[in-house]
Amino acid sequence: MPEFNRVDHASLSVTDLDRSERFYVDVLGFMRLFDFGYVKILIHRPTSFFLAIIHHEAARDGEFSELNTGLDHLGLGVSSREELIEWEHRFDEHGVTYTPTRDMEFGYHLNFRDPDNIALELSVNNEVVAGWIAELKQREIPREEIEARVGEYLATLGARPGQ
């Protein structure tokens, strides 16, 4: 099977290009590369991740909802739970609405919204999941082994899959 080697970009439909650009540049640290009038191409220099923000003239009114078919949220990774707390402070400084950092079964999550209410998330895996991912890079793990490990791990937390 042919393979892809990285996540290259995402493209988000927005209602106001300038307002969205300010958010992604000022709050998240992207840089504008190109402005084509109807679409702006931004880059996050440290990761080389491209983000296109586009305004469609024929777009339907209304703000984003993850309850519609399509994008649920865009997840961005950080290196530690401590960095998530630093992001909370940054969001406070910029008036960004967010849900405080949550400790979840597989890691830590900080959820927030852009000016069009598009759901975004900063997250980091916990040590257990980070170890599993490192192992998956080295060898193929059979589905049964993965399911057994997850079940055992969740049992230690008192949780069940799908809970």
Protein backbone atom coordinates (compact mmCIF):
# COMPACT_ATOMS: atom_id res chain seq x y z
CA MET A 1 0.00 0.00 0.00
CA PRO A 2 1.31 3.51 -0.73
CA GLU A 3 1.90 5.57 2.40
CA PHE A 4 1.79 9.20 3.38
CA ASN A 5 4.59 10.49 5.58
CA ARG A 6 3.00 13.32 7.57
CA VAL A 7 -0.05 15.45 8.14
CA ASP A 8 0.54 18.36 5.78
CA HIS A 9 -2.30 20.82 6.26
CA ALA A 10 -5.86 21.51 7.24
CA SER A 11 -8.28 23.96 5.68
CA LEU A 12 -10.97 25.64 7.73
CA SER A 13 -13.95 27.57 6.42
CA VAL A 14 -14.34 30.85 8.32
CA THR A 15 -16.68 33.82 8.25
CA ASP A 16 -14.08 36.61 8.60
CA LEU A 17 -10.59 36.04 7.19
CA ASP A 18 -8.93 38.94 8.99
CA ARG A 19 -10.42 38.03 12.38
CA SER A 20 -9.41 34.39 11.97
CA GLU A 21 -5.92 35.32 10.83
CA ARG A 22 -5.45 37.48 13.93
CA PHE A 23 -6.50 34.55 16.14
CA TYR A 24 -4.25 31.95 14.52
CA VAL A 25 -1.28 34.34 14.32
CA ASP A 26 -1.59 36.20 17.63
CA VAL A 27 -2.83 33.35 19.83
CA LEU A 28 -1.40 30.18 18.27
CA GLY A 29 1.77 31.55 16.66
CA PHE A 30 1.10 30.83 12.99
CA MET A 31 2.61 33.08 10.31
CA ARG A 32 0.87 34.21 7.11
CA LEU A 33 2.56 33.01 3.94
CA PHE A 34 0.03 33.98 1.28
CA ASP A 35 -3.15 36.02 0.98
CA PHE A 36 -5.23 35.24 -2.09
CA GLY A 37 -8.17 37.40 -1.04
CA TYR A 38 -10.58 34.51 -0.41
CA VAL A 39 -8.05 32.23 1.32
CA LYS A 40 -5.04 32.85 3.54
CA ILE A 41 -2.30 30.26 3.91
CA LEU A 42 -0.70 30.18 7.33
CA ILE A 43 2.23 28.11 8.56
CA HIS A 44 3.32 27.03 12.00
CA ARG A 45 7.06 27.36 11.48
CA PRO A 46 8.30 24.95 14.20
CA THR A 47 6.22 22.05 12.82
CA SER A 48 5.86 23.07 9.14
CA PHE A 49 2.10 22.54 9.49
CA PHE A 50 0.05 24.56 7.00
CA LEU A 51 -3.37 25.93 7.87
CA ALA A 52 -5.58 27.42 5.19
CA ILE A 53 -8.41 29.66 6.30
CA ILE A 54 -10.94 30.21 3.57
CA HIS A 55 -14.09 32.29 3.18
CA HIS A 56 -16.63 30.82 0.79
CA GLU A 57 -19.03 33.39 -0.64
CA ALA A 58 -21.76 30.74 -0.87
CA ALA A 59 -21.23 29.52 2.70
CA ARG A 60 -24.30 28.80 4.80
CA ASP A 61 -24.80 31.10 7.75
CA GLY A 62 -24.30 29.81 11.25
CA GLU A 63 -21.36 28.96 13.41
CA PHE A 64 -19.42 25.75 13.48
CA SER A 65 -20.82 22.75 15.33
CA GLU A 66 -19.06 19.46 15.84
CA LEU A 67 -22.55 17.93 15.87
CA ASN A 68 -22.70 18.28 12.07
CA THR A 69 -21.13 15.63 9.88
CA GLY A 70 -17.55 16.58 9.06
CA LEU A 71 -14.84 17.94 11.30
CA ASP A 72 -15.26 17.30 15.01
CA HIS A 73 -12.16 19.20 16.09
CA LEU A 74 -8.59 19.90 15.09
CA GLY A 75 -6.06 18.50 17.56
CA LEU A 76 -2.61 19.99 18.06
CA GLY A 77 0.06 18.30 20.17
CA VAL A 78 2.20 19.70 22.96
CA SER A 79 5.04 18.13 24.92
CA SER A 80 3.72 18.09 28.49
CA ARG A 81 0.77 18.69 30.79
CA GLU A 82 2.64 21.72 32.15
CA GLU A 83 2.58 23.28 28.67
CA LEU A 84 -1.21 22.95 28.66
CA ILE A 85 -1.34 25.07 31.82
CA GLU A 86 0.89 27.66 30.11
CA TRP A 87 -1.58 27.67 27.21
CA GLU A 88 -4.45 28.32 29.67
CA HIS A 89 -2.63 31.47 30.83
CA ARG A 90 -2.08 32.55 27.22
CA PHE A 91 -5.76 32.02 26.44
CA ASP A 92 -6.71 34.10 29.48
CA GLU A 93 -4.48 36.92 28.18
CA HIS A 94 -6.21 36.80 24.77
CA GLY A 95 -9.80 36.26 25.99
CA VAL A 96 -10.06 32.79 24.43
CA THR A 97 -12.85 30.56 25.71
CA TYR A 98 -11.54 27.17 26.83
CA THR A 99 -12.30 24.18 29.00
CA PRO A 100 -9.60 23.82 31.67
CA THR A 101 -7.05 21.04 31.16
CA ARG A 102 -8.61 17.64 31.74
CA ASP A 103 -6.84 14.47 32.79
CA MET A 104 -8.33 11.75 30.60
CA GLU A 105 -7.69 8.01 30.31
CA PHE A 106 -5.07 8.36 27.57
CA GLY A 107 -3.63 11.79 28.20
CA TYR A 108 -4.34 15.42 28.93
CA HIS A 109 -6.58 17.72 26.90
CA LEU A 110 -7.21 21.46 26.69
CA ASN A 111 -10.19 22.29 24.49
CA PHE A 112 -10.89 25.75 23.09
CA ARG A 113 -12.66 27.55 20.24
CA ASP A 114 -11.58 29.90 17.46
CA PRO A 115 -13.60 33.02 16.54
CA ASP A 116 -15.99 30.91 14.39
CA ASN A 117 -16.51 28.49 17.27
CA ILE A 118 -14.41 25.82 15.52
CA ALA A 119 -13.42 23.26 18.12
CA LEU A 120 -9.68 22.99 18.70
CA GLU A 121 -7.68 20.93 21.16
CA LEU A 122 -4.18 20.89 22.57
CA SER A 123 -3.20 17.52 23.98
CA VAL A 124 -0.38 15.29 25.14
CA ASN A 125 -0.43 11.53 25.64
CA ASN A 126 0.26 10.12 29.07
CA GLU A 127 3.32 7.91 29.64
CA VAL A 128 1.44 4.65 29.03
CA VAL A 129 0.04 5.71 25.66
CA ALA A 130 3.33 7.36 24.64
CA GLY A 131 5.02 4.02 25.29
CA TRP A 132 2.46 2.16 23.19
CA ILE A 133 2.92 4.59 20.31
CA ALA A 134 6.70 4.26 20.48
CA GLU A 135 6.30 0.49 20.37
CA LEU A 136 3.90 0.72 17.40
CA LYS A 137 6.59 2.59 15.48
CA GLN A 138 8.94 -0.34 16.04
CA ARG A 139 6.63 -3.29 15.38
CA GLU A 140 3.14 -4.21 14.32
CA ILE A 141 1.08 -5.14 17.35
CA PRO A 142 -1.78 -7.60 16.73
CA ARG A 143 -5.29 -6.18 17.23
CA GLU A 144 -6.01 -8.73 20.00
CA GLU A 145 -2.94 -7.62 21.95
CA ILE A 146 -3.92 -3.96 21.61
CA GLU A 147 -7.46 -4.65 22.81
CA ALA A 148 -6.17 -6.72 25.74
CA ARG A 149 -3.71 -4.01 26.79
CA VAL A 150 -6.33 -1.28 26.57
CA GLY A 151 -8.82 -3.37 28.53
CA GLU A 152 -6.27 -4.14 31.25
CA TYR A 153 -5.17 -0.52 31.43
CA LEU A 154 -8.71 0.81 31.67
CA ALA A 155 -9.50 -1.77 34.37
CA THR A 156 -6.68 -0.34 36.49
CA LEU A 157 -8.43 3.03 36.19
CA GLY A 158 -11.88 1.60 36.93
CA ALA A 159 -13.03 2.53 33.43
CA ARG A 160 -14.47 0.47 30.57
CA PRO A 161 -14.01 0.95 26.80
CA GLY A 162 -16.74 3.24 25.45
CA GLN A 163 -17.47 4.64 28.88
